[in-house]
Amino acid sequence: MIAKLRGCVDSVGEDWVVLDVGGVGYLLYCSGRTLVVLPERGEVAELYVSTHVREDHIHLYGFGKDAERQWFLLLQTVQGVGARVALGILSVLGIDELHNAVAGGDHAQLRRVSGVGPKVANRIVGELVDKIEGHKLTVGVSAAEFPGNTLGGSMAEAVSALTNLGYGRSEAQAAILEAVKGENASSNSDLSSLIHAGLKGLGQ
């Protein structure tokens, strides 16, 4: 079982990279986010690896961060999510965005991904919201800070409202999180209160 590879970037394709490790070229399938941060050809890269062994093939999947690899494996525990869809999700959503989407019940974010319809999005949130509390899968907020309870839906709607006003999603999420954690909003705040508190935190 290969867990990590370190070698020179030999070539890069639409969804793969060949890593030259001691003269042996390893083909690794990667998310778009991993591919865009790879160094130039001939330079050294280090990727965390997930190995998939099937009767008809052995596929290697490479990730720039171990948290991304963990999410890749966790996503595939959900019915209807295979390796290709999991890579698609990680290409569209950063790991912090994915964590927040699951914890906050933001189905719309998940449905941005090709191959993820309403049913699959519901399964991802429903099956993973409790699991992520026991995993340190992001470098940002934790599940405890962005709870997957009834408030999650209001938080997701508040974030969506702020993004519609022109704020970046990460900026909007941070403002709503601070609003809930601080004195600007409480655990039973309604949507309008959350939006107002978020705008206040953004300096409006």
Protein backbone atom coordinates (compact mmCIF):
# COMPACT_ATOMS: atom_id res chain seq x y z
CA MET A 1 0.00 0.00 0.00
CA ILE A 2 1.47 3.34 -1.08
CA ALA A 3 0.74 6.16 1.38
CA LYS A 4 2.92 8.98 0.03
CA LEU A 5 5.20 9.66 -2.92
CA ARG A 6 7.93 12.24 -3.40
CA GLY A 7 9.47 12.76 -6.81
CA CYS A 8 9.82 15.01 -9.85
CA VAL A 9 6.84 16.14 -11.86
CA ASP A 10 7.18 14.37 -15.22
CA SER A 11 3.95 15.34 -16.98
CA VAL A 12 0.48 16.64 -16.14
CA GLY A 13 -2.90 15.97 -17.76
CA GLU A 14 -6.47 17.10 -17.24
CA ASP A 15 -6.95 15.01 -14.11
CA TRP A 16 -3.61 13.29 -13.56
CA VAL A 17 0.09 13.75 -12.96
CA VAL A 18 3.01 11.42 -13.56
CA LEU A 19 5.49 11.58 -10.72
CA ASP A 20 9.01 10.28 -11.38
CA VAL A 21 10.24 8.56 -8.23
CA GLY A 22 13.72 7.14 -8.68
CA GLY A 23 13.20 6.53 -12.38
CA VAL A 24 9.76 4.95 -11.95
CA GLY A 25 6.78 6.95 -13.23
CA TYR A 26 3.68 6.80 -11.06
CA LEU A 27 0.38 7.91 -12.58
CA LEU A 28 -1.77 9.62 -9.97
CA TYR A 29 -5.29 10.93 -10.50
CA CYS A 30 -5.77 14.26 -8.74
CA SER A 31 -8.38 16.90 -8.04
CA GLY A 32 -8.17 20.13 -9.99
CA ARG A 33 -7.14 21.98 -6.84
CA THR A 34 -4.17 19.66 -6.33
CA LEU A 35 -3.07 19.93 -9.95
CA VAL A 36 -3.03 23.74 -10.02
CA VAL A 37 -0.62 23.95 -7.08
CA LEU A 38 1.86 21.41 -8.42
CA PRO A 39 5.37 22.75 -9.14
CA GLU A 40 6.73 23.03 -12.67
CA ARG A 41 7.83 20.00 -14.67
CA GLY A 42 11.13 18.62 -13.35
CA GLU A 43 10.61 20.08 -9.89
CA VAL A 44 9.99 18.00 -6.77
CA ALA A 45 6.47 17.39 -5.48
CA GLU A 46 5.17 15.36 -2.57
CA LEU A 47 1.70 13.84 -2.68
CA TYR A 48 -0.33 11.83 -0.21
CA VAL A 49 -1.70 8.74 -1.90
CA SER A 50 -4.82 6.60 -1.78
CA THR A 51 -4.46 3.24 -3.53
CA HIS A 52 -7.52 1.62 -5.10
CA VAL A 53 -7.16 -2.03 -6.04
CA ARG A 54 -9.80 -3.63 -8.27
CA GLU A 55 -9.91 -6.86 -10.26
CA ASP A 56 -9.22 -5.00 -13.50
CA HIS A 57 -6.99 -2.13 -12.35
CA ILE A 58 -4.89 -0.48 -9.68
CA HIS A 59 -5.40 3.28 -9.45
CA LEU A 60 -3.41 5.78 -7.42
CA TYR A 61 -4.98 9.05 -6.29
CA GLY A 62 -2.74 11.90 -5.21
CA PHE A 63 -3.41 14.80 -2.83
CA GLY A 64 -1.43 17.83 -1.76
CA LYS A 65 -2.77 17.61 1.80
CA ASP A 66 -3.53 14.61 3.96
CA ALA A 67 -6.85 16.26 4.91
CA GLU A 68 -7.85 16.17 1.25
CA ARG A 69 -7.00 12.46 1.10
CA GLN A 70 -9.09 11.83 4.23
CA TRP A 71 -12.05 13.65 2.71
CA PHE A 72 -11.64 11.61 -0.48
CA LEU A 73 -11.94 8.40 1.53
CA LEU A 74 -14.76 9.70 3.73
CA LEU A 75 -16.86 10.87 0.80
CA GLN A 76 -16.75 7.41 -0.72
CA THR A 77 -18.46 5.93 2.33
CA VAL A 78 -21.62 7.64 1.06
CA GLN A 79 -23.82 5.64 -1.30
CA GLY A 80 -23.59 7.03 -4.82
CA VAL A 81 -20.20 8.67 -4.32
CA GLY A 82 -17.35 6.90 -6.08
CA ALA A 83 -13.78 7.98 -6.69
CA ARG A 84 -14.63 10.13 -9.72
CA VAL A 85 -17.43 12.03 -7.94
CA ALA A 86 -15.28 12.44 -4.82
CA LEU A 87 -12.49 13.96 -6.93
CA GLY A 88 -15.05 16.21 -8.59
CA ILE A 89 -16.25 17.46 -5.22
CA LEU A 90 -12.68 18.17 -4.11
CA SER A 91 -12.02 19.99 -7.37
CA VAL A 92 -14.95 22.36 -6.87
CA LEU A 93 -14.83 22.81 -3.09
CA GLY A 94 -11.79 23.42 -0.92
CA ILE A 95 -11.59 21.26 2.18
CA ASP A 96 -12.74 24.08 4.45
CA GLU A 97 -15.63 24.87 2.10
CA LEU A 98 -16.58 21.19 2.00
CA HIS A 99 -16.43 20.91 5.78
CA ASN A 100 -18.64 23.98 6.19
CA ALA A 101 -21.09 22.77 3.53
CA VAL A 102 -21.55 19.43 5.32
CA ALA A 103 -21.63 20.87 8.84
CA GLY A 104 -23.92 23.73 7.83
CA GLY A 105 -26.26 21.64 5.68
CA ASP A 106 -25.47 23.69 2.57
CA HIS A 107 -26.83 21.32 -0.09
CA ALA A 108 -26.62 23.99 -2.78
CA GLN A 109 -22.83 24.07 -2.49
CA LEU A 110 -22.60 20.33 -2.98
CA ARG A 111 -24.97 20.40 -5.96
CA ARG A 112 -22.52 22.66 -7.80
CA VAL A 113 -20.54 19.50 -8.51
CA SER A 114 -21.30 17.49 -11.65
CA GLY A 115 -22.77 14.14 -10.64
CA VAL A 116 -24.12 15.38 -7.30
CA GLY A 117 -27.89 15.75 -7.40
CA PRO A 118 -30.30 16.50 -4.54
CA LYS A 119 -30.41 12.89 -3.32
CA VAL A 120 -26.63 12.47 -3.21
CA ALA A 121 -26.20 15.90 -1.59
CA ASN A 122 -28.72 14.92 1.09
CA ARG A 123 -26.88 11.66 1.71
CA ILE A 124 -23.51 13.41 2.00
CA VAL A 125 -24.82 15.83 4.63
CA GLY A 126 -26.93 13.27 6.45
CA GLU A 127 -24.27 10.56 6.65
CA LEU A 128 -21.18 12.72 7.23
CA VAL A 129 -22.32 15.52 9.51
CA ASP A 130 -21.77 13.40 12.63
CA LYS A 131 -18.62 11.69 11.35
CA ILE A 132 -16.68 14.91 10.73
CA GLU A 133 -16.90 15.86 14.40
CA GLY A 134 -14.42 13.09 15.14
CA HIS A 135 -12.00 14.01 12.36
CA LYS A 136 -9.59 16.89 11.99
CA LEU A 137 -10.17 17.20 8.28
CA THR A 138 -9.58 20.93 7.81
CA VAL A 139 -7.07 23.52 8.91
CA GLY A 140 -9.87 26.00 9.56
CA VAL A 141 -13.12 25.74 11.48
CA SER A 142 -14.18 22.59 13.24
CA ALA A 143 -17.57 20.94 13.29
CA ALA A 144 -18.10 22.23 16.81
CA GLU A 145 -17.71 25.79 15.54
CA PHE A 146 -20.08 25.24 12.62
CA PRO A 147 -22.65 22.87 14.14
CA GLY A 148 -24.72 20.53 12.04
CA ASN A 149 -27.93 21.14 13.99
CA THR A 150 -31.09 23.06 13.13
CA LEU A 151 -29.13 26.29 13.09
CA GLY A 152 -27.00 24.93 10.27
CA GLY A 153 -29.68 25.63 7.69
CA SER A 154 -30.07 29.25 8.83
CA MET A 155 -26.32 29.70 8.87
CA ALA A 156 -26.05 28.39 5.32
CA GLU A 157 -28.85 30.70 4.18
CA ALA A 158 -27.18 33.66 5.91
CA VAL A 159 -23.88 32.87 4.18
CA SER A 160 -25.73 32.62 0.86
CA ALA A 161 -27.37 36.01 1.48
CA LEU A 162 -24.01 37.65 2.16
CA THR A 163 -22.45 36.14 -0.95
CA ASN A 164 -25.39 37.50 -2.97
CA LEU A 165 -24.45 40.93 -1.62
CA GLY A 166 -21.00 40.55 -3.16
CA TYR A 167 -18.92 39.11 -0.31
CA GLY A 168 -16.66 36.10 -0.87
CA ARG A 169 -17.96 32.79 0.49
CA SER A 170 -15.04 32.28 2.87
CA GLU A 171 -15.41 35.87 4.12
CA ALA A 172 -19.15 35.41 4.59
CA GLN A 173 -18.72 32.08 6.41
CA ALA A 174 -16.16 33.60 8.77
CA ALA A 175 -18.50 36.52 9.55
CA ILE A 176 -21.45 34.24 10.34
CA LEU A 177 -19.29 31.95 12.46
CA GLU A 178 -18.02 34.91 14.47
CA ALA A 179 -21.57 36.19 14.82
CA VAL A 180 -22.75 32.90 16.32
CA LYS A 181 -19.68 32.47 18.52
CA GLY A 182 -19.74 36.06 19.78
CA GLU A 183 -22.38 38.30 21.24
CA ASN A 184 -23.89 39.41 17.94
CA ALA A 185 -26.15 36.38 17.63
CA SER A 186 -27.31 33.52 19.82
CA SER A 187 -27.96 29.85 19.18
CA ASN A 188 -31.64 30.57 18.51
CA SER A 189 -31.11 33.54 16.18
CA ASP A 190 -33.38 33.78 13.17
CA LEU A 191 -32.13 34.30 9.63
CA SER A 192 -32.50 38.09 9.58
CA SER A 193 -30.61 38.42 12.88
CA LEU A 194 -27.78 36.28 11.54
CA ILE A 195 -27.52 38.35 8.37
CA HIS A 196 -27.54 41.60 10.35
CA ALA A 197 -24.88 40.28 12.73
CA GLY A 198 -22.80 39.08 9.80
CA LEU A 199 -22.96 42.48 8.12
CA LYS A 200 -22.01 44.13 11.39
CA GLY A 201 -18.99 41.86 11.62
CA LEU A 202 -18.03 42.79 8.08
CA GLY A 203 -18.04 46.44 9.07
CA GLN A 204 -21.32 47.49 7.45
